[in-house]
Protein backbone atom coordinates (compact mmCIF):
# COMPACT_ATOMS: atom_id res chain seq x y z
CA MET A 1 -9.23 -12.15 -2.56
CA ASN A 2 -11.91 -12.47 -4.90
CA SER A 3 -13.16 -9.08 -6.29
CA ASN A 4 -16.74 -9.92 -5.04
CA LEU A 5 -15.29 -10.01 -1.45
CA VAL A 6 -13.90 -6.34 -1.86
CA PRO A 7 -17.08 -4.53 -0.85
CA GLY A 8 -17.50 -6.60 2.33
CA PHE A 9 -13.89 -6.21 3.27
CA CYS A 10 -14.35 -2.35 2.71
CA PHE A 11 -17.49 -2.31 4.82
CA VAL A 12 -15.69 -3.92 7.81
CA MET A 13 -12.47 -1.50 7.30
CA LYS A 14 -15.06 1.47 7.57
CA HIS A 15 -15.94 0.31 11.02
CA VAL A 16 -12.41 -0.29 12.47
CA THR A 17 -11.79 2.06 15.35
CA LYS A 18 -8.85 0.24 17.00
CA GLN A 19 -5.16 0.44 16.26
CA LEU A 20 -4.11 -2.35 13.83
CA ASP A 21 -0.72 -3.91 14.08
CA LEU A 22 -0.69 -5.41 10.56
CA LEU A 23 -2.93 -5.38 7.60
CA ASN A 24 -1.67 -8.05 5.36
CA LEU A 25 -3.04 -7.89 1.85
CA SER A 26 -0.23 -9.89 0.33
CA PHE A 27 -1.06 -12.51 -2.30
CA CYS A 28 -4.68 -11.31 -2.46
CA PHE A 29 -4.25 -11.03 -6.34
CA LEU A 30 -6.04 -7.55 -6.14
CA ASP A 31 -6.35 -5.99 -9.54
CA ALA A 32 -6.12 -2.15 -9.98
CA ASN A 33 -9.66 -1.35 -9.41
CA SER A 34 -10.01 -3.61 -6.16
CA PHE A 35 -6.92 -2.21 -4.76
CA HIS A 36 -8.22 1.41 -5.53
CA GLU A 37 -11.46 0.61 -3.73
CA ILE A 38 -9.61 -0.87 -0.71
CA ALA A 39 -7.09 1.94 -0.55
CA SER A 40 -9.86 4.48 -0.58
CA VAL A 41 -11.31 2.95 2.59
CA ILE A 42 -8.01 2.60 4.36
CA LYS A 43 -6.93 6.10 3.61
CA GLU A 44 -9.92 7.19 5.80
CA LEU A 45 -8.43 5.54 9.00
CA LYS A 46 -6.94 7.88 11.49
CA LEU A 47 -3.34 9.09 11.08
CA GLY A 48 -0.94 6.27 12.14
CA GLN A 49 -3.78 3.88 13.05
CA LEU A 50 -2.00 1.22 11.10
CA ALA A 51 1.39 0.03 12.18
CA LYS A 52 2.31 -2.20 9.14
CA MET A 53 0.79 -2.97 5.87
CA ASP A 54 1.92 -5.58 3.25
CA ILE A 55 0.60 -5.40 -0.24
CA TYR A 56 2.99 -7.66 -2.24
CA GLY A 57 1.51 -10.33 -4.49
CA ASN A 58 -0.97 -8.15 -6.20
CA TYR A 59 -1.55 -6.87 -9.74
CA LEU A 60 -1.45 -3.01 -9.36
CA GLN A 61 -1.01 -0.70 -12.37
CA PRO A 62 1.17 2.31 -12.50
CA SER A 63 -1.86 4.41 -11.78
CA ASN A 64 -2.20 2.81 -8.40
CA ILE A 65 0.96 4.68 -7.24
CA ASP A 66 -1.30 7.53 -6.12
CA ASP A 67 -3.31 4.98 -3.90
CA VAL A 68 -0.08 3.69 -2.44
CA ILE A 69 0.98 7.27 -1.69
CA GLY A 70 -2.24 7.96 -0.17
CA LEU A 71 -1.60 5.15 2.39
CA LEU A 72 1.61 6.66 3.68
CA ARG A 73 -0.27 8.99 6.10
CA VAL A 74 -2.15 6.18 7.71
CA VAL A 75 0.59 3.61 7.91
CA ARG A 76 2.89 4.38 10.85
CA ASP A 77 5.93 2.23 10.68
CA GLU A 78 6.36 0.06 7.57
CA LEU A 79 4.74 -0.65 4.06
CA SER A 80 6.06 -3.72 2.18
CA MET A 81 5.26 -3.60 -1.45
CA LEU A 82 7.59 -5.93 -3.03
CA TYR A 83 6.32 -7.45 -6.36
CA CYS A 84 2.97 -5.76 -6.14
CA PHE A 85 2.78 -4.39 -9.70
CA ASP A 86 1.72 -6.25 -12.81
CA GLY A 87 4.51 -6.47 -15.26
CA ASP A 88 4.29 -6.31 -19.07
CA ASP A 89 5.23 -9.99 -18.98
CA GLY A 90 2.36 -11.02 -16.85
CA ARG A 91 4.73 -11.50 -13.95
CA TRP A 92 4.94 -9.42 -10.74
CA ARG A 93 7.33 -6.54 -10.77
CA VAL A 94 8.69 -4.23 -8.10
CA ALA A 95 8.24 -0.40 -8.14
CA ASN A 96 10.16 0.97 -11.07
CA GLN A 97 12.36 4.14 -10.79
CA ASP A 98 9.60 6.58 -11.48
CA GLU A 99 7.33 5.20 -8.98
CA ARG A 100 10.28 5.03 -6.39
CA ILE A 101 10.87 8.85 -7.03
CA GLN A 102 7.16 9.53 -6.41
CA LEU A 103 7.19 7.50 -3.35
CA GLN A 104 10.35 9.10 -1.91
CA SER A 105 8.93 12.57 -2.62
CA ALA A 106 5.81 11.75 -0.72
CA LEU A 107 7.82 10.19 2.09
CA ASN A 108 9.85 13.45 2.50
CA GLU A 109 6.46 15.11 3.46
CA ILE A 110 5.63 12.61 6.04
CA GLN A 111 6.20 13.56 9.77
CA THR A 112 6.67 10.10 11.05
CA ARG A 113 9.38 7.49 10.70
CA LEU A 114 8.07 5.29 7.92
CA GLU A 115 9.86 2.70 5.79
CA VAL A 116 8.61 1.56 2.48
CA ARG A 117 10.12 -1.80 1.19
CA VAL A 118 10.00 -1.78 -2.54
CA ASP A 119 12.40 -4.47 -3.35
CA ASP A 120 14.88 -6.88 -1.75
CA GLY A 121 17.41 -4.57 -0.20
CA ILE A 122 15.82 -1.31 -1.33
CA ILE A 123 14.05 0.56 1.56
CA LEU A 124 12.68 4.14 1.15
CA ARG A 125 12.45 6.09 4.36
CA SER A 126 10.81 9.26 5.59
CA GLN A 127 13.20 12.07 6.39
CA LYS A 128 12.08 12.39 9.97
């Protein structure tokens, strides 16, 4: 997704009132600022309005972990975030140990059954 399209996407998301089965933002190549802008709008959806969300294939920075944590109250069933961070070598990377700890801590506060796929074979789950 071109960064020029982000404002239009956000405008549309602000007007979504129905349940969403899947919001697929994989391979949109979003940078940290674009993802922050989109996440800010998605966080305004109703609790559990979004069943599944995929964000892999983007270029998030460590600071975006707060944006991802903010999405946890909106996503009801599953958040897939494999290879969504920009690595030091210019390649995608999975959430590191510190980011996983922050995610699990936030998941422990969630009152729904939510899974966060952070790596092949690594799934974080809420405690509900």
